[in-house]
Amino acid sequence: MATYGIAAAAPPGGTLAALSPHAVTTFIAASVFFGSLVIVATPPLRGPDETAHFLRAYGVAMGDIVPSLRDAQGRKGVLLSARLYAGFQYFEGVRIKEKDTAWPGYGPEFQTYFSRSAVPAALGTGPTFVAYAGSEGYSPVAYVAHIVAAFAARALDLDFLATFYLMRFAGLAAMTALIGFAISLVPQIAWPLAALAMLPAALYGRSVINADGSALAAAMVVSALWLRGMLFPRMHSLGRQSFWMMLNALTKPPNLAFVLLELNFEPAETVVASTCCMRAARHRRCIAVELFERNRHGSLANGRNYRTGAGRVRSSFQDSPSARSSPVLSFRRR
């Protein structure tokens, strides 16, 4: 009934549809602005498992789509060039080292990095193996935007810090565009979807390198396509829905649960008929419950009639809660 109410109140091309571009534009502007602040404010490799996700995305960009490179201990990982590894090792060391009250913060750490005082020791060596640390199980689909950025960084021969922030900004831009597309699919609830996508956890997830941003964006597209098909069956495309379902499931394994949406697909036109059937079923349940209760108390055959003030004969059966709630049971004896 909720979906039917939305469909009836907001047909395609109506007032809410006209508001959709404003919601999309507002969301994109807010996402890019606040997401950029999050990117700048979050130090390198300080996102949730960002070290592992960075290595996985960069490994795919180097052609390691199905992780196959192993070290002597059997761990899967990627080979980083000497220049890239020097910067990666430096900021990874800053991340994991003990920090007491005397630690000056990331300001001096960045100054040390840009002064190159931590880099020369690694310049003369060859590629270094770095383990994925658990991210080898993720599909490349979750890192498409980051992989493209890593390709560009390799082509431009960027160092670690430039590569890292380019991958972050690429992920933010791609996930913002994908969520904006999802919002535009269902203009009837464009503003609620925009508000949902701007929640702090959602904003943070697409501002750092991980799979959460792509998982949320793909899930929103799948949900928007499903809801639009519910409201307007003529716009439902099984092939397109299946394609996005596949991408959504590949971003993160738990997203496979969204496949169940298709099992619950019911166009809005059938909701009214279903509602009538539900009401009839409810009345039948009322009758069954009443008969069971009467039989249990032994009063079905001995139901008493009494005379009301108006002189009418009324059955005690008619005063039961189920009889009052169902027009099927609303009868009178004369």
C-alpha atoms as a PDB file:
ATOM      1  CA  MET A   1       0.000   0.000   0.000  1.00  0.00           C
ATOM      2  CA  ALA A   2       2.924   2.330   0.654  1.00  0.00           C
ATOM      3  CA  THR A   3       4.269   1.866  -2.864  1.00  0.00           C
ATOM      4  CA  TYR A   4       0.790   2.268  -4.320  1.00  0.00           C
ATOM      5  CA  GLY A   5       0.396   5.520  -2.422  1.00  0.00           C
ATOM      6  CA  ILE A   6       3.684   6.825  -3.821  1.00  0.00           C
ATOM      7  CA  ALA A   7       2.745   5.793  -7.347  1.00  0.00           C
ATOM      8  CA  ALA A   8      -0.678   7.380  -7.158  1.00  0.00           C
ATOM      9  CA  ALA A   9       0.557  10.584  -5.603  1.00  0.00           C
ATOM     10  CA  ALA A  10       3.600  11.081  -7.789  1.00  0.00           C
ATOM     11  CA  PRO A  11       3.189  10.016 -11.409  1.00  0.00           C
ATOM     12  CA  PRO A  12       6.095  10.401 -13.843  1.00  0.00           C
ATOM     13  CA  GLY A  13       6.569  13.978 -14.905  1.00  0.00           C
ATOM     14  CA  GLY A  14       4.772  15.346 -11.841  1.00  0.00           C
ATOM     15  CA  THR A  15       5.916  17.920  -9.322  1.00  0.00           C
ATOM     16  CA  LEU A  16       8.231  15.534  -7.509  1.00  0.00           C
ATOM     17  CA  ALA A  17       9.828  14.481 -10.775  1.00  0.00           C
ATOM     18  CA  ALA A  18      10.515  18.127 -11.531  1.00  0.00           C
ATOM     19  CA  LEU A  19      12.288  18.438  -8.168  1.00  0.00           C
ATOM     20  CA  SER A  20      14.578  15.482  -8.878  1.00  0.00           C
ATOM     21  CA  PRO A  21      17.265  17.454 -10.803  1.00  0.00           C
ATOM     22  CA  HIS A  22      17.548  19.830  -7.853  1.00  0.00           C
ATOM     23  CA  ALA A  23      18.016  16.911  -5.475  1.00  0.00           C
ATOM     24  CA  VAL A  24      20.665  15.326  -7.716  1.00  0.00           C
ATOM     25  CA  THR A  25      22.524  18.602  -8.186  1.00  0.00           C
ATOM     26  CA  THR A  26      22.422  19.388  -4.491  1.00  0.00           C
ATOM     27  CA  PHE A  27      23.649  15.920  -3.597  1.00  0.00           C
ATOM     28  CA  ILE A  28      26.538  16.002  -6.087  1.00  0.00           C
ATOM     29  CA  ALA A  29      27.682  19.435  -4.914  1.00  0.00           C
ATOM     30  CA  ALA A  30      27.453  18.470  -1.231  1.00  0.00           C
ATOM     31  CA  SER A  31      29.126  15.096  -1.772  1.00  0.00           C
ATOM     32  CA  VAL A  32      32.069  16.529  -3.709  1.00  0.00           C
ATOM     33  CA  PHE A  33      32.554  19.413  -1.253  1.00  0.00           C
ATOM     34  CA  PHE A  34      32.313  17.490   2.009  1.00  0.00           C
ATOM     35  CA  GLY A  35      33.969  14.409   0.523  1.00  0.00           C
ATOM     36  CA  SER A  36      36.975  16.511  -0.497  1.00  0.00           C
ATOM     37  CA  LEU A  37      37.216  17.817   3.061  1.00  0.00           C
ATOM     38  CA  VAL A  38      37.199  14.239   4.348  1.00  0.00           C
ATOM     39  CA  ILE A  39      39.923  13.248   1.884  1.00  0.00           C
ATOM     40  CA  VAL A  40      42.157  16.127   2.932  1.00  0.00           C
ATOM     41  CA  ALA A  41      41.485  15.661   6.646  1.00  0.00           C
ATOM     42  CA  THR A  42      42.112  11.893   6.659  1.00  0.00           C
ATOM     43  CA  PRO A  43      45.848  11.061   6.593  1.00  0.00           C
ATOM     44  CA  PRO A  44      47.152   8.468   4.115  1.00  0.00           C
ATOM     45  CA  LEU A  45      46.242   4.848   4.852  1.00  0.00           C
ATOM     46  CA  ARG A  46      44.122   5.843   7.866  1.00  0.00           C
ATOM     47  CA  GLY A  47      40.768   4.747   6.418  1.00  0.00           C
ATOM     48  CA  PRO A  48      39.207   1.403   7.438  1.00  0.00           C
ATOM     49  CA  ASP A  49      41.620  -1.290   6.155  1.00  0.00           C
ATOM     50  CA  GLU A  50      42.779   1.258   3.613  1.00  0.00           C
ATOM     51  CA  THR A  51      46.252  -0.237   3.348  1.00  0.00           C
ATOM     52  CA  ALA A  52      44.878  -3.593   2.184  1.00  0.00           C
ATOM     53  CA  HIS A  53      42.356  -2.022  -0.195  1.00  0.00           C
ATOM     54  CA  PHE A  54      44.980   0.269  -1.725  1.00  0.00           C
ATOM     55  CA  LEU A  55      47.257  -2.677  -2.411  1.00  0.00           C
ATOM     56  CA  ARG A  56      44.437  -4.720  -3.959  1.00  0.00           C
ATOM     57  CA  ALA A  57      43.330  -1.893  -6.270  1.00  0.00           C
ATOM     58  CA  TYR A  58      46.916  -1.162  -7.316  1.00  0.00           C
ATOM     59  CA  GLY A  59      47.575  -4.855  -7.860  1.00  0.00           C
ATOM     60  CA  VAL A  60      44.613  -5.133 -10.238  1.00  0.00           C
ATOM     61  CA  ALA A  61      45.931  -2.106 -12.117  1.00  0.00           C
ATOM     62  CA  MET A  62      49.182  -4.022 -12.571  1.00  0.00           C
ATOM     63  CA  GLY A  63      47.294  -6.975 -14.061  1.00  0.00           C
ATOM     64  CA  ASP A  64      46.879  -9.130 -10.951  1.00  0.00           C
ATOM     65  CA  ILE A  65      43.129  -9.551 -11.465  1.00  0.00           C
ATOM     66  CA  VAL A  66      43.115 -13.033  -9.948  1.00  0.00           C
ATOM     67  CA  PRO A  67      45.713 -12.901  -7.160  1.00  0.00           C
ATOM     68  CA  SER A  68      48.487 -15.326  -8.035  1.00  0.00           C
ATOM     69  CA  LEU A  69      51.788 -13.842  -6.852  1.00  0.00           C
ATOM     70  CA  ARG A  70      52.959 -15.432  -3.580  1.00  0.00           C
ATOM     71  CA  ASP A  71      55.930 -15.034  -1.289  1.00  0.00           C
ATOM     72  CA  ALA A  72      57.913 -17.759   0.507  1.00  0.00           C
ATOM     73  CA  GLN A  73      55.245 -17.987   3.225  1.00  0.00           C
ATOM     74  CA  GLY A  74      52.501 -18.532   0.643  1.00  0.00           C
ATOM     75  CA  ARG A  75      50.919 -15.095   1.150  1.00  0.00           C
ATOM     76  CA  LYS A  76      49.385 -13.407  -1.874  1.00  0.00           C
ATOM     77  CA  GLY A  77      50.484  -9.891  -2.660  1.00  0.00           C
ATOM     78  CA  VAL A  78      51.770  -7.360  -5.174  1.00  0.00           C
ATOM     79  CA  LEU A  79      55.160  -6.044  -6.260  1.00  0.00           C
ATOM     80  CA  LEU A  80      55.617  -2.308  -5.697  1.00  0.00           C
ATOM     81  CA  SER A  81      58.287  -0.340  -7.472  1.00  0.00           C
ATOM     82  CA  ALA A  82      61.095   1.067  -5.321  1.00  0.00           C
ATOM     83  CA  ARG A  83      59.820   4.632  -5.553  1.00  0.00           C
ATOM     84  CA  LEU A  84      56.223   3.726  -4.735  1.00  0.00           C
ATOM     85  CA  TYR A  85      57.247   1.347  -1.975  1.00  0.00           C
ATOM     86  CA  ALA A  86      59.413   3.988  -0.287  1.00  0.00           C
ATOM     87  CA  GLY A  87      56.457   6.326   0.157  1.00  0.00           C
ATOM     88  CA  PHE A  88      54.106   3.495   1.077  1.00  0.00           C
ATOM     89  CA  GLN A  89      56.502   2.135   3.692  1.00  0.00           C
ATOM     90  CA  TYR A  90      57.021   5.584   5.173  1.00  0.00           C
ATOM     91  CA  PHE A  91      53.325   6.363   5.748  1.00  0.00           C
ATOM     92  CA  GLU A  92      52.558   2.801   6.800  1.00  0.00           C
ATOM     93  CA  GLY A  93      55.276   3.146   9.425  1.00  0.00           C
ATOM     94  CA  VAL A  94      53.759   6.423  10.601  1.00  0.00           C
ATOM     95  CA  ARG A  95      50.364   4.750  10.848  1.00  0.00           C
ATOM     96  CA  ILE A  96      51.425   1.802  12.960  1.00  0.00           C
ATOM     97  CA  LYS A  97      54.069   3.384  15.170  1.00  0.00           C
ATOM     98  CA  GLU A  98      53.348   4.270  18.773  1.00  0.00           C
ATOM     99  CA  LYS A  99      52.031   7.806  19.235  1.00  0.00           C
ATOM    100  CA  ASP A 100      52.312   9.464  22.642  1.00  0.00           C
ATOM    101  CA  THR A 101      51.441  12.949  23.800  1.00  0.00           C
ATOM    102  CA  ALA A 102      54.742  14.257  22.444  1.00  0.00           C
ATOM    103  CA  TRP A 103      53.944  13.180  18.875  1.00  0.00           C
ATOM    104  CA  PRO A 104      53.762  16.385  16.785  1.00  0.00           C
ATOM    105  CA  GLY A 105      51.115  15.107  14.363  1.00  0.00           C
ATOM    106  CA  TYR A 106      51.091  14.585  10.621  1.00  0.00           C
ATOM    107  CA  GLY A 107      52.383  18.056   9.757  1.00  0.00           C
ATOM    108  CA  PRO A 108      56.053  17.294  10.407  1.00  0.00           C
ATOM    109  CA  GLU A 109      55.560  13.820   8.892  1.00  0.00           C
ATOM    110  CA  PHE A 110      54.475  15.358   5.584  1.00  0.00           C
ATOM    111  CA  GLN A 111      57.415  17.786   5.722  1.00  0.00           C
ATOM    112  CA  THR A 112      59.787  14.874   6.200  1.00  0.00           C
ATOM    113  CA  TYR A 113      58.243  13.029   3.275  1.00  0.00           C
ATOM    114  CA  PHE A 114      58.460  15.986   0.896  1.00  0.00           C
ATOM    115  CA  SER A 115      62.056  16.647   1.944  1.00  0.00           C
ATOM    116  CA  ARG A 116      62.803  13.146   0.569  1.00  0.00           C
ATOM    117  CA  SER A 117      64.845  12.304   3.662  1.00  0.00           C
ATOM    118  CA  ALA A 118      63.016   8.975   3.965  1.00  0.00           C
ATOM    119  CA  VAL A 119      63.175   7.966   0.287  1.00  0.00           C
ATOM    120  CA  PRO A 120      66.795   7.604  -0.924  1.00  0.00           C
ATOM    121  CA  ALA A 121      67.435   4.373   0.984  1.00  0.00           C
ATOM    122  CA  ALA A 122      64.954   2.537  -1.230  1.00  0.00           C
ATOM    123  CA  LEU A 123      65.706   4.132  -4.593  1.00  0.00           C
ATOM    124  CA  GLY A 124      68.415   1.750  -5.674  1.00  0.00           C
ATOM    125  CA  THR A 125      66.511  -1.458  -4.941  1.00  0.00           C
ATOM    126  CA  GLY A 126      64.150  -3.451  -7.151  1.00  0.00           C
ATOM    127  CA  PRO A 127      60.414  -4.110  -6.706  1.00  0.00           C
ATOM    128  CA  THR A 128      59.313  -5.141  -3.230  1.00  0.00           C
ATOM    129  CA  PHE A 129      56.673  -7.723  -2.425  1.00  0.00           C
ATOM    130  CA  VAL A 130      53.857  -6.514  -0.143  1.00  0.00           C
ATOM    131  CA  ALA A 131      51.111  -8.888   1.051  1.00  0.00           C
ATOM    132  CA  TYR A 132      47.486  -8.008   0.406  1.00  0.00           C
ATOM    133  CA  ALA A 133      46.651  -8.706   4.067  1.00  0.00           C
ATOM    134  CA  GLY A 134      43.188 -10.107   3.392  1.00  0.00           C
ATOM    135  CA  SER A 135      41.994  -7.969   0.488  1.00  0.00           C
ATOM    136  CA  GLU A 136      42.853 -10.613  -2.140  1.00  0.00           C
ATOM    137  CA  GLY A 137      39.329 -11.995  -1.797  1.00  0.00           C
ATOM    138  CA  TYR A 138      37.695  -8.825  -3.122  1.00  0.00           C
ATOM    139  CA  SER A 139      36.481  -8.585  -6.700  1.00  0.00           C
ATOM    140  CA  PRO A 140      38.039  -5.931  -8.961  1.00  0.00           C
ATOM    141  CA  VAL A 141      34.516  -4.569  -9.522  1.00  0.00           C
ATOM    142  CA  ALA A 142      34.675  -2.905  -6.103  1.00  0.00           C
ATOM    143  CA  TYR A 143      37.711  -0.854  -7.201  1.00  0.00           C
ATOM    144  CA  VAL A 144      36.943   0.127 -10.790  1.00  0.00           C
ATOM    145  CA  ALA A 145      37.411   3.866 -10.208  1.00  0.00           C
ATOM    146  CA  HIS A 146      40.541   3.349  -8.104  1.00  0.00           C
ATOM    147  CA  ILE A 147      41.997   1.001 -10.723  1.00  0.00           C
ATOM    148  CA  VAL A 148      41.533   3.591 -13.483  1.00  0.00           C
ATOM    149  CA  ALA A 149      43.254   6.186 -11.311  1.00  0.00           C
ATOM    150  CA  ALA A 150      46.120   3.784 -10.601  1.00  0.00           C
ATOM    151  CA  PHE A 151      46.532   3.189 -14.360  1.00  0.00           C
ATOM    152  CA  ALA A 152      46.779   6.941 -14.885  1.00  0.00           C
ATOM    153  CA  ALA A 153      49.237   7.316 -12.005  1.00  0.00           C
ATOM    154  CA  ARG A 154      51.493   4.634 -13.436  1.00  0.00           C
ATOM    155  CA  ALA A 155      51.363   6.260 -16.870  1.00  0.00           C
ATOM    156  CA  LEU A 156      52.324   9.621 -15.337  1.00  0.00           C
ATOM    157  CA  ASP A 157      54.980   8.026 -13.089  1.00  0.00           C
ATOM    158  CA  LEU A 158      53.543   9.575  -9.937  1.00  0.00           C
ATOM    159  CA  ASP A 159      54.957   8.909  -6.497  1.00  0.00           C
ATOM    160  CA  PHE A 160      53.037   7.235  -3.692  1.00  0.00           C
ATOM    161  CA  LEU A 161      51.316  10.277  -2.216  1.00  0.00           C
ATOM    162  CA  ALA A 162      50.103  11.622  -5.583  1.00  0.00           C
ATOM    163  CA  THR A 163      48.937   8.147  -6.617  1.00  0.00           C
ATOM    164  CA  PHE A 164      47.132   7.614  -3.341  1.00  0.00           C
ATOM    165  CA  TYR A 165      45.188  10.881  -3.380  1.00  0.00           C
ATOM    166  CA  LEU A 166      44.372  10.523  -7.079  1.00  0.00           C
ATOM    167  CA  MET A 167      42.785   7.158  -6.294  1.00  0.00           C
ATOM    168  CA  ARG A 168      40.802   8.669  -3.428  1.00  0.00           C
ATOM    169  CA  PHE A 169      39.413  11.521  -5.513  1.00  0.00           C
ATOM    170  CA  ALA A 170      38.599   9.149  -8.383  1.00  0.00           C
ATOM    171  CA  GLY A 171      36.606   6.931  -6.027  1.00  0.00           C
ATOM    172  CA  LEU A 172      34.719   9.899  -4.593  1.00  0.00           C
ATOM    173  CA  ALA A 173      33.831  11.234  -8.051  1.00  0.00           C
ATOM    174  CA  ALA A 174      32.721   7.853  -9.426  1.00  0.00           C
ATOM    175  CA  MET A 175      30.617   6.838  -6.417  1.00  0.00           C
ATOM    176  CA  THR A 176      29.021  10.290  -6.251  1.00  0.00           C
ATOM    177  CA  ALA A 177      28.024  10.029  -9.915  1.00  0.00           C
ATOM    178  CA  LEU A 178      26.644   6.519  -9.420  1.00  0.00           C
ATOM    179  CA  ILE A 179      24.546   7.511  -6.411  1.00  0.00           C
ATOM    180  CA  GLY A 180      23.330  10.592  -8.299  1.00  0.00           C
ATOM    181  CA  PHE A 181      22.164   8.256 -11.055  1.00  0.00           C
ATOM    182  CA  ALA A 182      20.285   6.149  -8.493  1.00  0.00           C
ATOM    183  CA  ILE A 183      18.584   9.253  -7.076  1.00  0.00           C
ATOM    184  CA  SER A 184      17.453  10.357 -10.535  1.00  0.00           C
ATOM    185  CA  LEU A 185      15.789   6.979 -11.161  1.00  0.00           C
ATOM    186  CA  VAL A 186      13.188   7.517  -8.432  1.00  0.00           C
ATOM    187  CA  PRO A 187      12.341  11.251  -8.288  1.00  0.00           C
ATOM    188  CA  GLN A 188       9.446  10.498  -5.927  1.00  0.00           C
ATOM    189  CA  ILE A 189      11.933   9.874  -3.090  1.00  0.00           C
ATOM    190  CA  ALA A 190      14.921  11.816  -4.433  1.00  0.00           C
ATOM    191  CA  TRP A 191      15.451  13.913  -1.315  1.00  0.00           C
ATOM    192  CA  PRO A 192      15.275  10.993   1.149  1.00  0.00           C
ATOM    193  CA  LEU A 193      17.799   9.084  -0.961  1.00  0.00           C
ATOM    194  CA  ALA A 194      20.086  12.115  -1.096  1.00  0.00           C
ATOM    195  CA  ALA A 195      19.863  12.476   2.676  1.00  0.00           C
ATOM    196  CA  LEU A 196      20.632   8.772   3.105  1.00  0.00           C
ATOM    197  CA  ALA A 197      23.693   9.010   0.870  1.00  0.00           C
ATOM    198  CA  MET A 198      24.979  12.022   2.823  1.00  0.00           C
ATOM    199  CA  LEU A 199      25.043  10.216   6.152  1.00  0.00           C
ATOM    200  CA  PRO A 200      28.530  10.475   7.699  1.00  0.00           C
ATOM    201  CA  ALA A 201      29.319   6.767   7.305  1.00  0.00           C
ATOM    202  CA  ALA A 202      28.226   6.795   3.656  1.00  0.00           C
ATOM    203  CA  LEU A 203      30.205   9.952   2.881  1.00  0.00           C
ATOM    204  CA  TYR A 204      33.312   8.637   4.619  1.00  0.00           C
ATOM    205  CA  GLY A 205      33.043   5.277   2.847  1.00  0.00           C
ATOM    206  CA  ARG A 206      33.320   6.788  -0.627  1.00  0.00           C
ATOM    207  CA  SER A 207      36.016   9.294   0.388  1.00  0.00           C
ATOM    208  CA  VAL A 208      38.637   6.685   1.269  1.00  0.00           C
ATOM    209  CA  ILE A 209      39.923   3.671  -0.641  1.00  0.00           C
ATOM    210  CA  ASN A 210      37.771   0.666   0.236  1.00  0.00           C
ATOM    211  CA  ALA A 211      34.879  -1.416  -1.064  1.00  0.00           C
ATOM    212  CA  ASP A 212      32.170   0.146   1.096  1.00  0.00           C
ATOM    213  CA  GLY A 213      31.556   3.120  -1.173  1.00  0.00           C
ATOM    214  CA  SER A 214      31.005   1.011  -4.272  1.00  0.00           C
ATOM    215  CA  ALA A 215      28.869  -1.473  -2.328  1.00  0.00           C
ATOM    216  CA  LEU A 216      26.526   1.287  -1.135  1.00  0.00           C
ATOM    217  CA  ALA A 217      26.352   2.968  -4.544  1.00  0.00           C
ATOM    218  CA  ALA A 218      25.554  -0.294  -6.358  1.00  0.00           C
ATOM    219  CA  ALA A 219      22.963  -1.237  -3.732  1.00  0.00           C
ATOM    220  CA  MET A 220      21.229   2.130  -4.150  1.00  0.00           C
ATOM    221  CA  VAL A 221      21.071   1.696  -7.938  1.00  0.00           C
ATOM    222  CA  VAL A 222      19.600  -1.804  -7.582  1.00  0.00           C
ATOM    223  CA  SER A 223      17.041  -0.612  -5.026  1.00  0.00           C
ATOM    224  CA  ALA A 224      16.071   2.401  -7.147  1.00  0.00           C
ATOM    225  CA  LEU A 225      15.603   0.267 -10.269  1.00  0.00           C
ATOM    226  CA  TRP A 226      13.495  -2.221  -8.319  1.00  0.00           C
ATOM    227  CA  LEU A 227      11.305   0.476  -6.795  1.00  0.00           C
ATOM    228  CA  ARG A 228      10.832   2.190 -10.158  1.00  0.00           C
ATOM    229  CA  GLY A 229       9.761  -1.130 -11.651  1.00  0.00           C
ATOM    230  CA  MET A 230       7.272  -1.536  -8.821  1.00  0.00           C
ATOM    231  CA  LEU A 231       5.786   1.904  -9.440  1.00  0.00           C
ATOM    232  CA  PHE A 232       5.917   1.883 -13.233  1.00  0.00           C
ATOM    233  CA  PRO A 233       6.054  -1.682 -14.623  1.00  0.00           C
ATOM    234  CA  ARG A 234       6.512  -0.508 -18.211  1.00  0.00           C
ATOM    235  CA  MET A 235       9.906   0.929 -17.229  1.00  0.00           C
ATOM    236  CA  HIS A 236      11.115  -2.328 -15.686  1.00  0.00           C
ATOM    237  CA  SER A 237      13.889  -4.019 -17.663  1.00  0.00           C
ATOM    238  CA  LEU A 238      14.900  -7.488 -16.537  1.00  0.00           C
ATOM    239  CA  GLY A 239      18.220  -7.347 -18.388  1.00  0.00           C
ATOM    240  CA  ARG A 240      19.253  -4.040 -16.849  1.00  0.00           C
ATOM    241  CA  GLN A 241      18.140  -5.148 -13.390  1.00  0.00           C
ATOM    242  CA  SER A 242      20.120  -8.389 -13.744  1.00  0.00           C
ATOM    243  CA  PHE A 243      23.223  -6.490 -14.853  1.00  0.00           C
ATOM    244  CA  TRP A 244      23.160  -4.199 -11.834  1.00  0.00           C
ATOM    245  CA  MET A 245      22.330  -7.121  -9.554  1.00  0.00           C
ATOM    246  CA  MET A 246      25.483  -8.847 -10.780  1.00  0.00           C
ATOM    247  CA  LEU A 247      27.683  -5.787 -10.238  1.00  0.00           C
ATOM    248  CA  ASN A 248      26.130  -5.218  -6.845  1.00  0.00           C
ATOM    249  CA  ALA A 249      26.853  -8.779  -5.722  1.00  0.00           C
ATOM    250  CA  LEU A 250      30.461  -8.505  -6.947  1.00  0.00           C
ATOM    251  CA  THR A 251      31.211  -5.405  -4.885  1.00  0.00           C
ATOM    252  CA  LYS A 252      30.753  -7.262  -1.607  1.00  0.00           C
ATOM    253  CA  PRO A 253      29.436 -10.802  -0.979  1.00  0.00           C
ATOM    254  CA  PRO A 254      26.709  -9.696   1.510  1.00  0.00           C
ATOM    255  CA  ASN A 255      25.125  -7.619  -1.272  1.00  0.00           C
ATOM    256  CA  LEU A 256      24.006 -10.874  -2.857  1.00  0.00           C
ATOM    257  CA  ALA A 257      20.983 -10.588  -0.544  1.00  0.00           C
ATOM    258  CA  PHE A 258      19.564  -7.882  -2.831  1.00  0.00           C
ATOM    259  CA  VAL A 259      18.724 -10.608  -5.344  1.00  0.00           C
ATOM    260  CA  LEU A 260      15.742 -11.365  -3.098  1.00  0.00           C
ATOM    261  CA  LEU A 261      14.162  -8.096  -4.237  1.00  0.00           C
ATOM    262  CA  GLU A 262      13.157  -9.727  -7.508  1.00  0.00           C
ATOM    263  CA  LEU A 263      11.326 -12.441  -5.595  1.00  0.00           C
ATOM    264  CA  ASN A 264       9.183  -9.717  -4.065  1.00  0.00           C
ATOM    265  CA  PHE A 265       8.547  -7.853  -7.305  1.00  0.00           C
ATOM    266  CA  GLU A 266       4.903  -6.777  -7.575  1.00  0.00           C
ATOM    267  CA  PRO A 267       3.820  -3.895  -9.839  1.00  0.00           C
ATOM    268  CA  ALA A 268       1.797  -1.159  -8.176  1.00  0.00           C
ATOM    269  CA  GLU A 269      -1.232  -1.946 -10.359  1.00  0.00           C
ATOM    270  CA  THR A 270      -1.648  -5.291  -8.621  1.00  0.00           C
ATOM    271  CA  VAL A 271      -1.489  -3.858  -5.123  1.00  0.00           C
ATOM    272  CA  VAL A 272      -5.154  -2.738  -5.129  1.00  0.00           C
ATOM    273  CA  ALA A 273      -6.363  -6.191  -6.149  1.00  0.00           C
ATOM    274  CA  SER A 274      -4.048  -7.763  -3.596  1.00  0.00           C
ATOM    275  CA  THR A 275      -5.415  -5.448  -0.927  1.00  0.00           C
ATOM    276  CA  CYS A 276      -8.979  -6.589  -1.635  1.00  0.00           C
ATOM    277  CA  CYS A 277      -7.865 -10.190  -1.322  1.00  0.00           C
ATOM    278  CA  MET A 278      -6.090  -9.386   1.938  1.00  0.00           C
ATOM    279  CA  ARG A 279      -9.260  -7.817   3.346  1.00  0.00           C
ATOM    280  CA  ALA A 280     -11.338 -10.840   2.387  1.00  0.00           C
ATOM    281  CA  ALA A 281      -8.739 -13.122   3.940  1.00  0.00           C
ATOM    282  CA  ARG A 282      -8.779 -11.047   7.102  1.00  0.00           C
ATOM    283  CA  HIS A 283     -12.559 -11.398   7.350  1.00  0.00           C
ATOM    284  CA  ARG A 284     -12.267 -15.148   6.862  1.00  0.00           C
ATOM    285  CA  ARG A 285      -9.683 -15.272   9.636  1.00  0.00           C
ATOM    286  CA  CYS A 286     -12.059 -13.329  11.893  1.00  0.00           C
ATOM    287  CA  ILE A 287     -14.809 -15.873  11.263  1.00  0.00           C
ATOM    288  CA  ALA A 288     -12.457 -18.772  11.931  1.00  0.00           C
ATOM    289  CA  VAL A 289     -11.190 -17.228  15.171  1.00  0.00           C
ATOM    290  CA  GLU A 290     -14.745 -16.515  16.349  1.00  0.00           C
ATOM    291  CA  LEU A 291     -15.913 -20.037  15.611  1.00  0.00           C
ATOM    292  CA  PHE A 292     -12.901 -21.469  17.389  1.00  0.00           C
ATOM    293  CA  GLU A 293     -13.469 -19.325  20.470  1.00  0.00           C
ATOM    294  CA  ARG A 294     -17.189 -20.119  20.613  1.00  0.00           C
ATOM    295  CA  ASN A 295     -16.551 -23.796  20.256  1.00  0.00           C
ATOM    296  CA  ARG A 296     -13.794 -23.707  22.883  1.00  0.00           C
ATOM    297  CA  HIS A 297     -16.078 -22.093  25.441  1.00  0.00           C
ATOM    298  CA  GLY A 298     -19.043 -24.274  24.500  1.00  0.00           C
ATOM    299  CA  SER A 299     -21.174 -21.272  23.671  1.00  0.00           C
ATOM    300  CA  LEU A 300     -21.528 -21.665  19.941  1.00  0.00           C
ATOM    301  CA  ALA A 301     -24.635 -23.827  20.186  1.00  0.00           C
ATOM    302  CA  ASN A 302     -25.896 -22.048  23.243  1.00  0.00           C
ATOM    303  CA  GLY A 303     -25.497 -18.484  22.127  1.00  0.00           C
ATOM    304  CA  ARG A 304     -27.982 -16.319  23.988  1.00  0.00           C
ATOM    305  CA  ASN A 305     -30.305 -13.815  22.400  1.00  0.00           C
ATOM    306  CA  TYR A 306     -31.361 -10.768  24.309  1.00  0.00           C
ATOM    307  CA  ARG A 307     -33.728  -7.913  23.648  1.00  0.00           C
ATOM    308  CA  THR A 308     -32.304  -4.450  23.279  1.00  0.00           C
ATOM    309  CA  GLY A 309     -33.947  -1.226  24.445  1.00  0.00           C
ATOM    310  CA  ALA A 310     -35.471  -0.706  21.014  1.00  0.00           C
ATOM    311  CA  GLY A 311     -37.196  -4.062  21.273  1.00  0.00           C
ATOM    312  CA  ARG A 312     -34.873  -5.772  18.782  1.00  0.00           C
ATOM    313  CA  VAL A 313     -33.524  -9.225  19.414  1.00  0.00           C
ATOM    314  CA  ARG A 314     -29.701  -9.289  19.302  1.00  0.00           C
ATOM    315  CA  SER A 315     -27.351 -12.235  19.434  1.00  0.00           C
ATOM    316  CA  SER A 316     -24.390 -12.241  21.768  1.00  0.00           C
ATOM    317  CA  PHE A 317     -22.425 -13.535  18.758  1.00  0.00           C
ATOM    318  CA  GLN A 318     -22.774 -10.091  17.170  1.00  0.00           C
ATOM    319  CA  ASP A 319     -21.094  -8.340  20.097  1.00  0.00           C
ATOM    320  CA  SER A 320     -17.784 -10.146  19.723  1.00  0.00           C
ATOM    321  CA  PRO A 321     -14.739  -8.062  18.682  1.00  0.00           C
ATOM    322  CA  SER A 322     -14.266 -10.011  15.475  1.00  0.00           C
ATOM    323  CA  ALA A 323     -17.895  -9.504  14.469  1.00  0.00           C
ATOM    324  CA  ARG A 324     -17.628  -5.766  15.010  1.00  0.00           C
ATOM    325  CA  SER A 325     -14.425  -5.593  12.958  1.00  0.00           C
ATOM    326  CA  SER A 326     -15.808  -7.492   9.985  1.00  0.00           C
ATOM    327  CA  PRO A 327     -18.742  -6.388   7.834  1.00  0.00           C
ATOM    328  CA  VAL A 328     -19.256 -10.036   6.926  1.00  0.00           C
ATOM    329  CA  LEU A 329     -20.315 -10.723  10.518  1.00  0.00           C
ATOM    330  CA  SER A 330     -22.371  -7.547  10.945  1.00  0.00           C
ATOM    331  CA  PHE A 331     -25.853  -9.118  10.758  1.00  0.00           C
ATOM    332  CA  ARG A 332     -28.937  -8.706  12.882  1.00  0.00           C
ATOM    333  CA  ARG A 333     -31.690 -11.053  13.880  1.00  0.00           C
ATOM    334  CA  ARG A 334     -35.159  -9.695  13.882  1.00  0.00           C
END
